[in-house]
Amino acid sequence: MRTALITGITGQDGSHLAELLLHKGYRVLGMIRHTSTTSQNRIKHLRDQLTIVEGDLLDQTSLTRILELHQPDEIYNLAGMSFVPASWQQPVLTAEFTGLGVTRLLDAMRHVAPKTRFYQASSSEMFGKVRETPQRETTPFHPRSPYAVAKAYGHYITVNYRESYDLFACCGILFNHEGPRRGLEFVTRKITHTAAQIKLGLAEELRLGNLQSKRDWGFAGDFVRAMWLMLQQPKADDYVIGTGETHTVQEFVEIAFDYLDLDWKRYVAVDPQLYRPAEVDLLLGDATKARTILGWQPEVTFRELVHMMVDADLALLRQQLQNKHDPRGKVAKVA
């Protein structure tokens, strides 16, 4: 039985990856911070199948202890500050977790588990003010947020440790990947959740920033398969993972509201305060290398993804409404 360590296991990608690895017969270790207040709702259905270990990307000693004790065959580093807008409010902490945290984990691996295979979650946000379209593995980076700068550092330090110490270390440059487990602070989930609220009479307006931003959006469940495939190859390398299609935020809105038989123009308001200080206008991935070498390709279409998220939010909100009523149909007191 192979053992895999997932940092950031309570996140969207971590939960999908845990499911995939458990299905493949892995023993899965999930690293969480001792002081973390992050909800474990995404992995509650897997909790009795996982081994939870305490560790912190800010504390290399804790990382070394985990690797010494468990000697994982594979490490998937998915932890870090994942919400781009928040990185402007906490740029130093973002650098510590998302940048230097990668170095601490790699250095611990170098010393106590050098045969372990390592996956680093790089990001399409590193391309930022893009130099070419579509973006591929050779496209230069021009990061436009503290988050993207930290991700670029994490990417290059992974490459550096691979080349310097002959570690099996890969970077997946993943374009936007979404799903029902996406946090409510992200624009895609904000759209589907608010649209579902409006449909149920629980909200009247959706406020968004730049509706013309273009992204390459795929399903998170498809993208974690690519992570696993990277670590099964004979040689460590870096791969762009994306659908090869670009859609505007407005298109996402239109599909979500049309699916609910709503006229989006009646409910959506553009709020200039929601624009980024430095906007990233267009991201579009060329995953030819991943398709050719890994044999990977996405299975869920853009429209299917939006519908999946809307359906999930409708079901969630209806369940929440039902939970507010007692069995006799009377409204229960809600704290």
Protein backbone atom coordinates (compact mmCIF):
# COMPACT_ATOMS: atom_id res chain seq x y z
CA MET A 1 0.00 0.00 0.00
CA ARG A 2 1.47 3.33 -1.06
CA THR A 3 1.28 6.29 1.31
CA ALA A 4 0.51 9.84 0.17
CA LEU A 5 0.74 13.03 2.22
CA ILE A 6 -1.62 15.85 1.23
CA THR A 7 -1.09 19.32 2.67
CA GLY A 8 -4.21 21.45 2.33
CA ILE A 9 -6.41 18.37 2.51
CA THR A 10 -9.40 20.36 3.83
CA GLY A 11 -9.55 22.46 0.66
CA GLN A 12 -11.41 21.83 -2.58
CA ASP A 13 -8.48 20.14 -4.35
CA GLY A 14 -7.32 18.28 -1.26
CA SER A 15 -10.70 16.63 -0.74
CA HIS A 16 -11.01 15.58 -4.40
CA LEU A 17 -7.44 14.25 -4.42
CA ALA A 18 -8.02 12.31 -1.19
CA GLU A 19 -11.03 10.62 -2.77
CA LEU A 20 -9.01 9.71 -5.85
CA LEU A 21 -6.07 8.27 -3.88
CA LEU A 22 -8.30 6.31 -1.51
CA HIS A 23 -10.07 4.82 -4.52
CA LYS A 24 -6.66 3.76 -5.85
CA GLY A 25 -5.83 2.00 -2.58
CA TYR A 26 -3.48 4.55 -1.01
CA ARG A 27 -3.03 5.19 2.68
CA VAL A 28 -3.75 8.93 2.80
CA LEU A 29 -2.23 11.31 5.35
CA GLY A 30 -3.83 14.73 5.61
CA MET A 31 -1.80 17.53 7.16
CA ILE A 32 -3.63 20.23 9.11
CA ARG A 33 -2.38 23.02 11.36
CA HIS A 34 -2.88 22.57 15.09
CA THR A 35 -4.33 26.09 15.38
CA SER A 36 -6.35 25.92 12.17
CA THR A 37 -9.97 27.03 12.28
CA THR A 38 -10.57 25.79 8.74
CA SER A 39 -13.70 23.72 8.36
CA GLN A 40 -13.23 20.02 7.65
CA ASN A 41 -16.67 19.71 6.01
CA ARG A 42 -15.16 18.80 2.64
CA ILE A 43 -13.53 15.66 4.07
CA LYS A 44 -16.07 14.65 6.72
CA HIS A 45 -17.33 11.81 4.50
CA LEU A 46 -13.75 10.50 4.30
CA ARG A 47 -12.68 11.17 7.88
CA ASP A 48 -12.62 7.53 9.05
CA GLN A 49 -10.46 6.56 6.03
CA LEU A 50 -7.80 9.25 6.55
CA THR A 51 -4.88 9.64 8.91
CA ILE A 52 -4.75 13.25 10.07
CA VAL A 53 -1.32 14.58 11.07
CA GLU A 54 -0.47 17.96 12.59
CA GLY A 55 2.05 20.10 10.78
CA ASP A 56 2.65 23.65 9.66
CA LEU A 57 4.32 25.07 6.56
CA LEU A 58 5.70 27.80 8.84
CA ASP A 59 7.50 25.20 11.00
CA GLN A 60 10.07 23.00 9.25
CA THR A 61 10.59 20.89 12.37
CA SER A 62 7.00 19.67 12.23
CA LEU A 63 7.36 18.82 8.54
CA THR A 64 10.57 16.88 9.16
CA ARG A 65 8.90 14.93 11.97
CA ILE A 66 5.97 13.91 9.73
CA LEU A 67 8.24 12.75 6.91
CA GLU A 68 10.55 10.84 9.26
CA LEU A 69 7.66 9.06 10.94
CA HIS A 70 5.54 8.19 7.90
CA GLN A 71 8.02 8.13 4.95
CA PRO A 72 5.32 8.87 2.34
CA ASP A 73 5.78 7.66 -1.21
CA GLU A 74 4.18 10.82 -2.56
CA ILE A 75 3.67 14.38 -1.27
CA TYR A 76 1.06 16.70 -2.73
CA ASN A 77 1.62 20.27 -1.54
CA LEU A 78 -1.77 21.95 -1.93
CA ALA A 79 -1.61 24.16 1.17
CA GLY A 80 -1.24 27.93 1.19
CA MET A 81 -3.17 31.16 0.92
CA SER A 82 -5.45 30.31 -1.97
CA PHE A 83 -7.70 33.38 -2.30
CA VAL A 84 -5.99 35.92 -4.59
CA PRO A 85 -7.73 39.13 -3.33
CA ALA A 86 -6.77 38.33 0.28
CA SER A 87 -3.09 38.30 -0.68
CA TRP A 88 -3.11 42.09 -0.95
CA GLN A 89 -4.33 42.33 2.65
CA GLN A 90 -1.80 39.76 3.93
CA PRO A 91 1.15 39.86 1.51
CA VAL A 92 3.82 38.81 4.02
CA LEU A 93 1.82 35.87 5.37
CA THR A 94 1.04 34.84 1.78
CA ALA A 95 4.76 34.82 1.02
CA GLU A 96 5.51 32.75 4.12
CA PHE A 97 2.92 30.05 3.42
CA THR A 98 2.71 29.98 -0.36
CA GLY A 99 6.37 30.71 -1.11
CA LEU A 100 8.73 29.87 1.74
CA GLY A 101 6.48 27.05 2.94
CA VAL A 102 7.38 25.15 -0.23
CA THR A 103 11.08 25.52 0.58
CA ARG A 104 10.61 24.20 4.10
CA LEU A 105 8.75 21.15 2.84
CA LEU A 106 11.26 20.43 0.07
CA ASP A 107 14.20 20.84 2.42
CA ALA A 108 12.64 18.48 4.97
CA MET A 109 12.09 15.98 2.16
CA ARG A 110 15.67 16.36 0.94
CA HIS A 111 17.05 15.46 4.36
CA VAL A 112 14.75 12.65 5.53
CA ALA A 113 12.75 11.36 2.54
CA PRO A 114 14.79 12.02 -0.65
CA LYS A 115 13.14 9.18 -2.58
CA THR A 116 9.64 10.59 -2.07
CA ARG A 117 7.87 12.02 -5.12
CA PHE A 118 6.74 15.64 -4.73
CA TYR A 119 3.94 17.62 -6.39
CA GLN A 120 3.82 21.41 -6.13
CA ALA A 121 0.57 23.25 -6.86
CA SER A 122 1.66 26.06 -9.15
CA SER A 123 -0.90 28.43 -10.63
CA SER A 124 -1.87 30.06 -13.91
CA GLU A 125 -1.95 33.33 -11.96
CA MET A 126 1.85 33.30 -12.32
CA PHE A 127 1.40 34.24 -16.00
CA GLY A 128 -0.46 37.40 -14.91
CA LYS A 129 0.06 40.04 -17.58
CA VAL A 130 0.44 37.40 -20.24
CA ARG A 131 3.28 37.51 -22.78
CA GLU A 132 1.58 35.08 -25.17
CA THR A 133 -1.74 33.32 -25.65
CA PRO A 134 -2.34 30.52 -25.02
CA GLN A 135 0.04 30.00 -22.11
CA ARG A 136 2.27 26.92 -22.07
CA GLU A 137 5.15 25.61 -19.96
CA THR A 138 7.66 27.92 -21.70
CA THR A 139 5.58 31.11 -21.38
CA PRO A 140 7.37 33.70 -19.18
CA PHE A 141 5.72 34.65 -15.87
CA HIS A 142 4.53 38.18 -15.06
CA PRO A 143 2.69 37.79 -11.72
CA ARG A 144 0.15 40.51 -10.83
CA SER A 145 -0.65 39.82 -7.17
CA PRO A 146 1.26 38.89 -3.99
CA TYR A 147 -0.33 35.45 -4.32
CA ALA A 148 1.00 35.00 -7.85
CA VAL A 149 4.47 36.24 -6.87
CA ALA A 150 4.57 33.73 -3.99
CA LYS A 151 3.40 30.96 -6.33
CA ALA A 152 6.17 31.85 -8.79
CA TYR A 153 8.73 31.52 -6.00
CA GLY A 154 7.26 28.16 -4.96
CA HIS A 155 7.41 27.02 -8.58
CA TYR A 156 11.02 28.00 -9.14
CA ILE A 157 12.27 26.65 -5.81
CA THR A 158 10.70 23.29 -6.73
CA VAL A 159 12.51 23.32 -10.08
CA ASN A 160 15.72 24.36 -8.29
CA TYR A 161 15.55 21.51 -5.76
CA ARG A 162 14.83 19.04 -8.57
CA GLU A 163 17.87 20.19 -10.53
CA SER A 164 20.16 20.69 -7.53
CA TYR A 165 19.40 17.59 -5.45
CA ASP A 166 17.97 15.18 -8.04
CA LEU A 167 14.61 15.05 -6.29
CA PHE A 168 11.50 13.81 -8.08
CA ALA A 169 9.65 17.11 -7.88
CA CYS A 170 6.92 18.25 -10.30
CA CYS A 171 4.93 21.44 -10.71
CA GLY A 172 1.39 21.47 -12.05
CA ILE A 173 0.58 24.90 -13.49
CA LEU A 174 -3.17 24.59 -13.04
CA PHE A 175 -5.62 26.98 -14.63
CA ASN A 176 -8.86 27.82 -12.82
CA HIS A 177 -10.66 24.74 -11.58
CA GLU A 178 -13.95 24.91 -9.78
CA GLY A 179 -16.78 22.84 -8.37
CA PRO A 180 -19.39 22.66 -5.62
CA ARG A 181 -16.63 22.50 -2.98
CA ARG A 182 -15.22 25.88 -3.99
CA GLY A 183 -15.24 28.47 -1.20
CA LEU A 184 -17.98 31.09 -1.20
CA GLU A 185 -15.40 33.88 -1.49
CA PHE A 186 -14.41 32.77 -5.02
CA VAL A 187 -16.23 34.47 -7.89
CA THR A 188 -17.56 31.26 -9.48
CA ARG A 189 -19.13 29.99 -6.26
CA LYS A 190 -20.32 33.49 -5.39
CA ILE A 191 -22.18 33.52 -8.71
CA THR A 192 -23.85 30.11 -8.39
CA HIS A 193 -24.69 30.46 -4.69
CA THR A 194 -26.18 33.94 -5.07
CA ALA A 195 -28.10 32.95 -8.20
CA ALA A 196 -29.60 30.03 -6.26
CA GLN A 197 -30.45 32.39 -3.39
CA ILE A 198 -32.22 34.74 -5.81
CA LYS A 199 -34.15 31.83 -7.29
CA LEU A 200 -35.35 30.85 -3.82
CA GLY A 201 -36.18 34.42 -2.83
CA LEU A 202 -33.30 34.66 -0.36
CA ALA A 203 -31.36 37.42 -2.14
CA GLU A 204 -32.06 40.25 -4.57
CA GLU A 205 -28.68 41.24 -5.99
CA LEU A 206 -25.29 39.88 -7.04
CA ARG A 207 -22.40 42.36 -6.94
CA LEU A 208 -19.35 41.56 -9.06
CA GLY A 209 -16.17 43.22 -10.29
CA ASN A 210 -14.80 42.93 -13.82
CA LEU A 211 -17.31 40.96 -15.89
CA GLN A 212 -14.96 40.86 -18.88
CA SER A 213 -12.11 38.99 -17.18
CA LYS A 214 -11.44 35.81 -19.14
CA ARG A 215 -10.45 32.52 -17.55
CA ASP A 216 -9.85 28.91 -18.54
CA TRP A 217 -12.27 27.12 -16.17
CA GLY A 218 -12.39 23.38 -15.56
CA PHE A 219 -13.66 20.92 -12.94
CA ALA A 220 -11.47 20.31 -9.89
CA GLY A 221 -12.22 16.58 -9.95
CA ASP A 222 -10.66 16.37 -13.42
CA PHE A 223 -7.61 18.39 -12.45
CA VAL A 224 -6.55 16.27 -9.46
CA ARG A 225 -6.22 13.31 -11.83
CA ALA A 226 -3.48 15.26 -13.58
CA MET A 227 -1.65 15.77 -10.26
CA TRP A 228 -1.57 12.03 -9.66
CA LEU A 229 -0.50 11.26 -13.22
CA MET A 230 2.51 13.60 -12.92
CA LEU A 231 3.90 11.55 -10.04
CA GLN A 232 3.51 8.26 -11.94
CA GLN A 233 5.89 9.23 -14.75
CA PRO A 234 9.46 7.92 -15.11
CA LYS A 235 10.83 11.48 -15.10
CA ALA A 236 9.82 14.53 -13.06
CA ASP A 237 8.63 17.49 -15.13
CA ASP A 238 6.24 20.46 -15.10
CA TYR A 239 2.88 20.59 -16.87
CA VAL A 240 0.22 23.16 -17.74
CA ILE A 241 -3.25 21.82 -16.93
CA GLY A 242 -6.22 23.58 -18.49
CA THR A 243 -9.21 23.03 -20.78
CA GLY A 244 -7.98 25.14 -23.69
CA GLU A 245 -11.18 27.21 -23.63
CA THR A 246 -11.62 30.73 -22.29
CA HIS A 247 -14.84 32.26 -20.96
CA THR A 248 -15.67 35.63 -19.42
CA VAL A 249 -17.11 36.09 -15.96
CA GLN A 250 -20.22 37.37 -17.73
CA GLU A 251 -20.59 34.09 -19.64
CA PHE A 252 -20.42 32.21 -16.33
CA VAL A 253 -23.15 34.49 -14.98
CA GLU A 254 -25.34 34.09 -18.06
CA ILE A 255 -25.22 30.28 -18.00
CA ALA A 256 -25.93 30.13 -14.25
CA PHE A 257 -28.91 32.50 -14.40
CA ASP A 258 -30.31 31.04 -17.64
CA TYR A 259 -30.23 27.59 -16.04
CA LEU A 260 -32.49 29.00 -13.32
CA ASP A 261 -34.75 30.84 -15.81
CA LEU A 262 -33.59 34.19 -14.50
CA ASP A 263 -32.63 37.35 -16.42
CA TRP A 264 -29.15 38.08 -15.05
CA LYS A 265 -29.28 41.76 -16.09
CA ARG A 266 -32.05 42.35 -13.52
CA TYR A 267 -29.93 41.15 -10.61
CA VAL A 268 -26.23 41.70 -11.36
CA ALA A 269 -24.51 44.96 -10.44
CA VAL A 270 -20.89 45.85 -11.22
CA ASP A 271 -19.02 47.20 -8.20
CA PRO A 272 -15.71 48.98 -9.04
CA GLN A 273 -14.50 48.29 -5.49
CA LEU A 274 -14.38 44.59 -6.37
CA TYR A 275 -11.81 45.14 -9.13
CA ARG A 276 -8.28 43.93 -8.37
CA PRO A 277 -5.52 46.53 -7.87
CA ALA A 278 -3.72 44.90 -10.82
CA GLU A 279 -6.12 43.01 -13.06
CA VAL A 280 -5.39 39.78 -14.90
CA ASP A 281 -7.51 40.04 -18.03
CA LEU A 282 -6.95 36.78 -19.92
CA LEU A 283 -5.75 33.30 -18.99
CA LEU A 284 -5.89 30.41 -21.46
CA GLY A 285 -3.94 27.19 -21.03
CA ASP A 286 -2.29 25.01 -23.65
CA ALA A 287 -2.25 21.52 -22.09
CA THR A 288 -0.82 19.78 -25.16
CA LYS A 289 2.13 18.43 -23.17
CA ALA A 290 -0.13 16.95 -20.48
CA ARG A 291 -2.47 15.43 -23.06
CA THR A 292 0.47 13.90 -24.97
CA ILE A 293 2.68 12.63 -22.13
CA LEU A 294 0.21 12.09 -19.29
CA GLY A 295 -2.73 11.06 -21.42
CA TRP A 296 -4.83 13.53 -19.46
CA GLN A 297 -7.87 15.40 -20.69
CA PRO A 298 -10.81 17.09 -18.97
CA GLU A 299 -14.15 15.26 -18.93
CA VAL A 300 -16.57 17.93 -17.60
CA THR A 301 -17.49 20.75 -19.99
CA PHE A 302 -17.77 24.40 -18.97
CA ARG A 303 -21.56 24.38 -19.17
CA GLU A 304 -21.75 21.12 -17.21
CA LEU A 305 -19.51 22.63 -14.55
CA VAL A 306 -21.74 25.69 -14.09
CA HIS A 307 -24.89 23.56 -13.97
CA MET A 308 -23.26 21.18 -11.47
CA MET A 309 -22.43 24.09 -9.15
CA VAL A 310 -25.89 25.64 -9.45
CA ASP A 311 -27.56 22.30 -8.68
CA ALA A 312 -25.34 21.79 -5.64
CA ASP A 313 -26.07 25.27 -4.27
CA LEU A 314 -29.81 24.86 -4.79
CA ALA A 315 -29.71 21.58 -2.89
CA LEU A 316 -27.60 23.11 -0.11
CA LEU A 317 -29.89 26.11 0.35
CA ARG A 318 -33.03 23.99 0.32
CA GLN A 319 -31.52 21.74 2.98
CA GLN A 320 -30.64 24.77 5.08
CA LEU A 321 -34.20 26.06 4.76
CA GLN A 322 -35.58 22.69 5.73
CA ASN A 323 -33.29 22.54 8.78
CA LYS A 324 -34.79 25.79 10.05
CA HIS A 325 -38.16 24.09 10.46
CA ASP A 326 -39.07 21.51 13.04
CA PRO A 327 -40.80 18.22 12.03
CA ARG A 328 -44.25 19.80 12.48
CA GLY A 329 -43.45 22.45 9.90
CA LYS A 330 -43.12 25.28 12.39
CA VAL A 331 -40.17 27.66 12.16
CA ALA A 332 -37.57 26.71 14.74
CA LYS A 333 -35.48 29.26 16.59
CA VAL A 334 -32.12 29.76 14.93
CA ALA A 335 -29.25 31.07 17.04
